Structures are given as C-alpha cells and as structure tokens.
Amino acid sequence: MASTNDIKNGSVLNLDGQLWNIIEFQHVKPGKGGAFVRTKMRNVRSGKVVDKTFNAGLKVDFATVDRGDYQYLYQDGEDFVFMDTTHYEQITVPGVIVGDAKNFMLENQMVTIAIHEGEALYIELPASVVLEVTYTEPGLQGDRSTGGTKPATVETGYEIQVPLFLETGTKVKVDTRTGDYLGRVSE
C-alpha cells in the first residue's frame, strides 16, 4: 500500500473497485491544519472527470498499469488494431477506449497504451502530430496569419481551424490534447 504522498500525474488509483487516472495533483500544506492532496481524476472506464481531496499520508491502492509502445496498424470496424513492436503481438482496442485519439492517429504511428490485467485502459499520443490538410476553402489574396481562421479537414477526417492563408496539401502540426493548429510544417 502506498500513500497519497506518492501520487503523480499519470498514476492510476484503484478506489472502490474503479480505476482512476490522475490528471493533475497539488500537494497543499496550509499554515493551519493538516496537509492534503488535491487531485483531478478521470475514471478510466467512463471518462468522467472529478476533483477529489485526500488527506496527506492517507493509504491508497495504486493499480498496476503497464505502459508499452505500440504501432497503430488499422481500424477494424469500431475496433483499432495495434502491434507491440518488441514482441510483434497484435492487440485489438475497442473504439470507446481509443476515444478522440482516433482523430490524430495515422497508420504505422507509434502510441503508448496503458494495460491493466490484460485490458487496455487508455491511449497516450505524442503532444503533437503532423497531418496533411486534405480539404479547405481556397485562401483569398491579402489573407494573412493574423486575419482569422477557417475550417480545414486533415487526412484522418478530423476538422480543425487553420489560418486563412493555408491551402489543401499543406502539412500542419496539431496539438493532440486540444485539436488546435500549432503551425505549418515545411518539408
């Protein structure tokens, strides 16, 4: 058994038979009274996010979670197939577990998958990915980067907002956490 003092971002706690992934935590030591740990947690199964406060030093049960690097192979109906690059074993992850990550995954891309007792819990993507714009309205003469934004569809089928001057075929860097445009990528 570990205590709340061992909580870190990315830790997975087993509370009342449910698995919770720590998104953020803050160790607070007020001038008066006992210290405590304020956390923001996501339920691994439902995706629900809650704020919870623990007394410092409280015993908590950490779940054993193995994180491994996997290569995204293809989508099979609602499921996604990944391959372990060290053992060459394929695993199938349900679409509900993949969630919004599907908007940023290209075939052969590397991702990190967290597995608990043989079951995939969630997928971690790099902070940003490079995607090609497959469709956007043509820009007008005089449009500059400070002018505004327009919708653009990237090669995964996801729609993002890009500056007015971007054209179809441009490679862009996209933040995988928010879906925001981060900039153009030159070849």
C-alpha atoms as a PDB file:
ATOM      1  CA  MET A   1       0.000   0.000   0.000  1.00  0.00           C
ATOM      2  CA  ALA A   2       1.265   3.441  -0.927  1.00  0.00           C
ATOM      3  CA  SER A   3       0.127   6.791   0.402  1.00  0.00           C
ATOM      4  CA  THR A   4      -1.268   9.927  -1.194  1.00  0.00           C
ATOM      5  CA  ASN A   5       2.219  11.442  -0.932  1.00  0.00           C
ATOM      6  CA  ASP A   6       3.261   9.087  -3.796  1.00  0.00           C
ATOM      7  CA  ILE A   7       0.622  10.396  -6.240  1.00  0.00           C
ATOM      8  CA  LYS A   8       1.992  11.659  -9.552  1.00  0.00           C
ATOM      9  CA  ASN A   9       0.427  12.733 -12.854  1.00  0.00           C
ATOM     10  CA  GLY A  10      -0.459   9.582 -14.792  1.00  0.00           C
ATOM     11  CA  SER A  11      -0.790   7.389 -11.677  1.00  0.00           C
ATOM     12  CA  VAL A  12      -3.755   5.024 -11.660  1.00  0.00           C
ATOM     13  CA  LEU A  13      -5.599   4.522  -8.357  1.00  0.00           C
ATOM     14  CA  ASN A  14      -7.985   1.706  -7.502  1.00  0.00           C
ATOM     15  CA  LEU A  15     -10.756   3.355  -5.466  1.00  0.00           C
ATOM     16  CA  ASP A  16     -13.822   1.291  -4.534  1.00  0.00           C
ATOM     17  CA  GLY A  17     -13.151  -1.158  -7.379  1.00  0.00           C
ATOM     18  CA  GLN A  18     -12.929   1.608 -10.004  1.00  0.00           C
ATOM     19  CA  LEU A  19      -9.752   2.728 -11.759  1.00  0.00           C
ATOM     20  CA  TRP A  20      -8.977   6.460 -11.747  1.00  0.00           C
ATOM     21  CA  ASN A  21      -6.194   8.115 -13.748  1.00  0.00           C
ATOM     22  CA  ILE A  22      -4.611  11.176 -12.079  1.00  0.00           C
ATOM     23  CA  ILE A  23      -4.686  14.130 -14.484  1.00  0.00           C
ATOM     24  CA  GLU A  24      -3.416  16.769 -12.054  1.00  0.00           C
ATOM     25  CA  PHE A  25      -2.462  16.847  -8.411  1.00  0.00           C
ATOM     26  CA  GLN A  26      -1.388  19.503  -5.932  1.00  0.00           C
ATOM     27  CA  HIS A  27       0.128  18.905  -2.513  1.00  0.00           C
ATOM     28  CA  VAL A  28      -1.194  21.654  -0.218  1.00  0.00           C
ATOM     29  CA  LYS A  29       0.227  22.469   3.198  1.00  0.00           C
ATOM     30  CA  PRO A  30      -1.781  25.281   4.753  1.00  0.00           C
ATOM     31  CA  GLY A  31      -0.367  27.288   7.648  1.00  0.00           C
ATOM     32  CA  LYS A  32      -3.067  25.935   9.943  1.00  0.00           C
ATOM     33  CA  GLY A  33      -4.322  22.352   9.917  1.00  0.00           C
ATOM     34  CA  GLY A  34      -3.046  19.225   8.206  1.00  0.00           C
ATOM     35  CA  ALA A  35      -1.642  18.922   4.718  1.00  0.00           C
ATOM     36  CA  PHE A  36      -3.765  17.468   1.928  1.00  0.00           C
ATOM     37  CA  VAL A  37      -3.542  16.440  -1.722  1.00  0.00           C
ATOM     38  CA  ARG A  38      -5.986  17.968  -4.206  1.00  0.00           C
ATOM     39  CA  THR A  39      -6.436  15.864  -7.363  1.00  0.00           C
ATOM     40  CA  LYS A  40      -8.282  15.914 -10.667  1.00  0.00           C
ATOM     41  CA  MET A  41      -9.016  12.316 -11.720  1.00  0.00           C
ATOM     42  CA  ARG A  42     -10.534  10.669 -14.789  1.00  0.00           C
ATOM     43  CA  ASN A  43     -12.466   7.419 -14.494  1.00  0.00           C
ATOM     44  CA  VAL A  44     -10.665   5.042 -16.844  1.00  0.00           C
ATOM     45  CA  ARG A  45     -13.842   3.250 -17.950  1.00  0.00           C
ATOM     46  CA  SER A  46     -16.408   6.065 -18.218  1.00  0.00           C
ATOM     47  CA  GLY A  47     -14.105   9.045 -18.866  1.00  0.00           C
ATOM     48  CA  LYS A  48     -15.843  11.058 -16.118  1.00  0.00           C
ATOM     49  CA  VAL A  49     -13.565  13.692 -14.547  1.00  0.00           C
ATOM     50  CA  VAL A  50     -13.884  14.506 -10.837  1.00  0.00           C
ATOM     51  CA  ASP A  51     -12.000  16.579  -8.274  1.00  0.00           C
ATOM     52  CA  LYS A  52     -11.112  14.748  -5.071  1.00  0.00           C
ATOM     53  CA  THR A  53      -9.168  15.804  -1.999  1.00  0.00           C
ATOM     54  CA  PHE A  54      -7.200  13.325   0.128  1.00  0.00           C
ATOM     55  CA  ASN A  55      -5.561  13.856   3.499  1.00  0.00           C
ATOM     56  CA  ALA A  56      -1.774  13.749   3.182  1.00  0.00           C
ATOM     57  CA  GLY A  57      -0.345  10.348   4.097  1.00  0.00           C
ATOM     58  CA  LEU A  58      -3.675   8.519   3.564  1.00  0.00           C
ATOM     59  CA  LYS A  59      -3.158   4.946   2.316  1.00  0.00           C
ATOM     60  CA  VAL A  60      -4.368   4.430  -1.262  1.00  0.00           C
ATOM     61  CA  ASP A  61      -4.269   1.455  -3.604  1.00  0.00           C
ATOM     62  CA  PHE A  62      -2.259   2.032  -6.783  1.00  0.00           C
ATOM     63  CA  ALA A  63      -3.290  -0.159  -9.725  1.00  0.00           C
ATOM     64  CA  THR A  64      -0.542  -1.982 -11.602  1.00  0.00           C
ATOM     65  CA  VAL A  65      -0.525  -0.455 -15.065  1.00  0.00           C
ATOM     66  CA  ASP A  66       1.949  -1.445 -17.760  1.00  0.00           C
ATOM     67  CA  ARG A  67       2.629   1.147 -20.425  1.00  0.00           C
ATOM     68  CA  GLY A  68       4.030  -0.066 -23.722  1.00  0.00           C
ATOM     69  CA  ASP A  69       4.846   1.341 -27.138  1.00  0.00           C
ATOM     70  CA  TYR A  70       2.570   0.082 -29.879  1.00  0.00           C
ATOM     71  CA  GLN A  71       2.285   0.753 -33.579  1.00  0.00           C
ATOM     72  CA  TYR A  72      -1.171   1.619 -34.925  1.00  0.00           C
ATOM     73  CA  LEU A  73      -1.946  -0.776 -37.785  1.00  0.00           C
ATOM     74  CA  TYR A  74      -5.557  -0.305 -38.906  1.00  0.00           C
ATOM     75  CA  GLN A  75      -9.181   0.192 -37.904  1.00  0.00           C
ATOM     76  CA  ASP A  76     -11.370  -2.920 -37.911  1.00  0.00           C
ATOM     77  CA  GLY A  77     -14.999  -1.754 -37.721  1.00  0.00           C
ATOM     78  CA  GLU A  78     -15.329   0.009 -34.357  1.00  0.00           C
ATOM     79  CA  ASP A  79     -12.086  -1.512 -33.044  1.00  0.00           C
ATOM     80  CA  PHE A  80      -8.470  -0.475 -33.606  1.00  0.00           C
ATOM     81  CA  VAL A  81      -5.576  -2.914 -34.076  1.00  0.00           C
ATOM     82  CA  PHE A  82      -2.120  -2.185 -32.646  1.00  0.00           C
ATOM     83  CA  MET A  83       1.135  -4.157 -32.683  1.00  0.00           C
ATOM     84  CA  ASP A  84       3.672  -4.454 -29.881  1.00  0.00           C
ATOM     85  CA  THR A  85       6.942  -3.533 -31.607  1.00  0.00           C
ATOM     86  CA  THR A  86       9.107  -5.706 -29.349  1.00  0.00           C
ATOM     87  CA  HIS A  87       7.130  -8.984 -29.383  1.00  0.00           C
ATOM     88  CA  TYR A  88       5.166  -8.398 -32.619  1.00  0.00           C
ATOM     89  CA  GLU A  89       1.909  -9.349 -30.892  1.00  0.00           C
ATOM     90  CA  GLN A  90      -1.262  -7.648 -32.073  1.00  0.00           C
ATOM     91  CA  ILE A  91      -3.908  -6.325 -29.715  1.00  0.00           C
ATOM     92  CA  THR A  92      -7.368  -5.025 -30.521  1.00  0.00           C
ATOM     93  CA  VAL A  93      -8.567  -1.964 -28.616  1.00  0.00           C
ATOM     94  CA  PRO A  94     -12.277  -1.004 -28.633  1.00  0.00           C
ATOM     95  CA  GLY A  95     -13.168   2.353 -30.154  1.00  0.00           C
ATOM     96  CA  VAL A  96     -14.586   3.635 -26.853  1.00  0.00           C
ATOM     97  CA  ILE A  97     -11.130   3.210 -25.253  1.00  0.00           C
ATOM     98  CA  VAL A  98      -9.385   4.934 -28.190  1.00  0.00           C
ATOM     99  CA  GLY A  99     -11.844   7.847 -27.983  1.00  0.00           C
ATOM    100  CA  ASP A 100     -10.741  11.148 -29.541  1.00  0.00           C
ATOM    101  CA  ALA A 101      -7.234   9.789 -30.172  1.00  0.00           C
ATOM    102  CA  LYS A 102      -8.596   8.358 -33.451  1.00  0.00           C
ATOM    103  CA  ASN A 103      -8.727  11.907 -34.828  1.00  0.00           C
ATOM    104  CA  PHE A 104      -4.932  12.140 -34.716  1.00  0.00           C
ATOM    105  CA  MET A 105      -3.749   8.582 -35.477  1.00  0.00           C
ATOM    106  CA  LEU A 106      -2.266   7.611 -38.833  1.00  0.00           C
ATOM    107  CA  GLU A 107      -1.358   4.067 -39.819  1.00  0.00           C
ATOM    108  CA  ASN A 108       2.109   2.988 -38.575  1.00  0.00           C
ATOM    109  CA  GLN A 109       2.146   5.787 -35.960  1.00  0.00           C
ATOM    110  CA  MET A 110       3.608   4.944 -32.530  1.00  0.00           C
ATOM    111  CA  VAL A 111       1.397   5.365 -29.445  1.00  0.00           C
ATOM    112  CA  THR A 112       1.635   4.376 -25.782  1.00  0.00           C
ATOM    113  CA  ILE A 113      -1.085   2.065 -24.472  1.00  0.00           C
ATOM    114  CA  ALA A 114      -1.717   1.575 -20.747  1.00  0.00           C
ATOM    115  CA  ILE A 115      -2.742  -2.003 -19.917  1.00  0.00           C
ATOM    116  CA  HIS A 116      -4.136  -3.312 -16.610  1.00  0.00           C
ATOM    117  CA  GLU A 117      -4.644  -7.074 -16.160  1.00  0.00           C
ATOM    118  CA  GLY A 118      -4.624  -7.655 -19.935  1.00  0.00           C
ATOM    119  CA  GLU A 119      -7.165  -4.924 -20.672  1.00  0.00           C
ATOM    120  CA  ALA A 120      -6.298  -1.661 -22.481  1.00  0.00           C
ATOM    121  CA  LEU A 121      -7.233   1.321 -20.321  1.00  0.00           C
ATOM    122  CA  TYR A 122      -6.315   4.329 -22.441  1.00  0.00           C
ATOM    123  CA  ILE A 123      -4.045   5.529 -25.239  1.00  0.00           C
ATOM    124  CA  GLU A 124      -1.422   8.248 -24.908  1.00  0.00           C
ATOM    125  CA  LEU A 125      -0.446  10.127 -28.056  1.00  0.00           C
ATOM    126  CA  PRO A 126       2.552  12.398 -28.566  1.00  0.00           C
ATOM    127  CA  ALA A 127       1.801  16.037 -27.609  1.00  0.00           C
ATOM    128  CA  SER A 128       1.548  16.974 -31.281  1.00  0.00           C
ATOM    129  CA  VAL A 129       1.321  15.230 -34.655  1.00  0.00           C
ATOM    130  CA  VAL A 130       1.914  16.310 -38.241  1.00  0.00           C
ATOM    131  CA  LEU A 131      -1.113  15.881 -40.523  1.00  0.00           C
ATOM    132  CA  GLU A 132      -1.809  16.925 -44.088  1.00  0.00           C
ATOM    133  CA  VAL A 133      -4.745  19.197 -44.912  1.00  0.00           C
ATOM    134  CA  THR A 134      -6.910  17.246 -47.375  1.00  0.00           C
ATOM    135  CA  TYR A 135      -9.543  19.930 -47.917  1.00  0.00           C
ATOM    136  CA  THR A 136     -10.026  23.594 -47.125  1.00  0.00           C
ATOM    137  CA  GLU A 137     -11.573  26.522 -48.957  1.00  0.00           C
ATOM    138  CA  PRO A 138      -9.023  28.435 -51.040  1.00  0.00           C
ATOM    139  CA  GLY A 139      -7.468  31.464 -49.382  1.00  0.00           C
ATOM    140  CA  LEU A 140      -8.107  34.956 -50.752  1.00  0.00           C
ATOM    141  CA  GLN A 141      -5.469  37.471 -51.823  1.00  0.00           C
ATOM    142  CA  GLY A 142      -4.442  39.545 -48.812  1.00  0.00           C
ATOM    143  CA  ASP A 143      -5.273  36.902 -46.200  1.00  0.00           C
ATOM    144  CA  ARG A 144      -2.567  36.831 -43.532  1.00  0.00           C
ATOM    145  CA  SER A 145      -1.920  34.748 -40.429  1.00  0.00           C
ATOM    146  CA  THR A 146      -3.491  37.364 -38.143  1.00  0.00           C
ATOM    147  CA  GLY A 147      -6.652  37.668 -40.242  1.00  0.00           C
ATOM    148  CA  GLY A 148      -8.760  34.841 -38.830  1.00  0.00           C
ATOM    149  CA  THR A 149      -9.416  31.139 -39.236  1.00  0.00           C
ATOM    150  CA  LYS A 150     -11.321  28.757 -41.480  1.00  0.00           C
ATOM    151  CA  PRO A 151     -12.204  25.064 -41.163  1.00  0.00           C
ATOM    152  CA  ALA A 152      -9.862  22.502 -42.705  1.00  0.00           C
ATOM    153  CA  THR A 153     -10.164  18.718 -42.907  1.00  0.00           C
ATOM    154  CA  VAL A 154      -6.959  16.755 -42.185  1.00  0.00           C
ATOM    155  CA  GLU A 155      -6.053  13.299 -43.520  1.00  0.00           C
ATOM    156  CA  THR A 156      -7.678  11.474 -40.579  1.00  0.00           C
ATOM    157  CA  GLY A 157     -11.034  13.103 -41.417  1.00  0.00           C
ATOM    158  CA  TYR A 158     -10.922  15.420 -38.387  1.00  0.00           C
ATOM    159  CA  GLU A 159     -11.783  19.097 -38.859  1.00  0.00           C
ATOM    160  CA  ILE A 160      -9.579  21.800 -37.314  1.00  0.00           C
ATOM    161  CA  GLN A 161      -9.428  25.586 -37.541  1.00  0.00           C
ATOM    162  CA  VAL A 162      -6.478  26.951 -39.545  1.00  0.00           C
ATOM    163  CA  PRO A 163      -5.362  30.441 -40.655  1.00  0.00           C
ATOM    164  CA  LEU A 164      -6.979  31.784 -43.827  1.00  0.00           C
ATOM    165  CA  PHE A 165      -3.806  31.563 -45.949  1.00  0.00           C
ATOM    166  CA  LEU A 166      -3.401  27.761 -45.667  1.00  0.00           C
ATOM    167  CA  GLU A 167      -4.233  25.644 -48.693  1.00  0.00           C
ATOM    168  CA  THR A 168      -5.068  21.989 -49.386  1.00  0.00           C
ATOM    169  CA  GLY A 169      -1.949  19.793 -49.296  1.00  0.00           C
ATOM    170  CA  THR A 170      -0.187  21.790 -46.563  1.00  0.00           C
ATOM    171  CA  LYS A 171       1.265  19.768 -43.663  1.00  0.00           C
ATOM    172  CA  VAL A 172       0.324  21.199 -40.270  1.00  0.00           C
ATOM    173  CA  LYS A 173       1.256  20.464 -36.670  1.00  0.00           C
ATOM    174  CA  VAL A 174      -1.785  19.730 -34.472  1.00  0.00           C
ATOM    175  CA  ASP A 175      -1.995  19.576 -30.658  1.00  0.00           C
ATOM    176  CA  THR A 176      -3.406  16.111 -29.804  1.00  0.00           C
ATOM    177  CA  ARG A 177      -4.859  17.250 -26.457  1.00  0.00           C
ATOM    178  CA  THR A 178      -6.947  20.163 -27.780  1.00  0.00           C
ATOM    179  CA  GLY A 179      -7.060  19.713 -31.568  1.00  0.00           C
ATOM    180  CA  ASP A 180      -5.588  23.187 -32.064  1.00  0.00           C
ATOM    181  CA  TYR A 181      -3.482  24.213 -35.058  1.00  0.00           C
ATOM    182  CA  LEU A 182       0.121  24.798 -33.933  1.00  0.00           C
ATOM    183  CA  GLY A 183       1.798  25.788 -37.197  1.00  0.00           C
ATOM    184  CA  ARG A 184       2.864  24.815 -40.689  1.00  0.00           C
ATOM    185  CA  VAL A 185       5.481  22.119 -41.223  1.00  0.00           C
ATOM    186  CA  SER A 186       7.911  22.649 -44.099  1.00  0.00           C
ATOM    187  CA  GLU A 187       9.268  19.593 -45.851  1.00  0.00           C
END
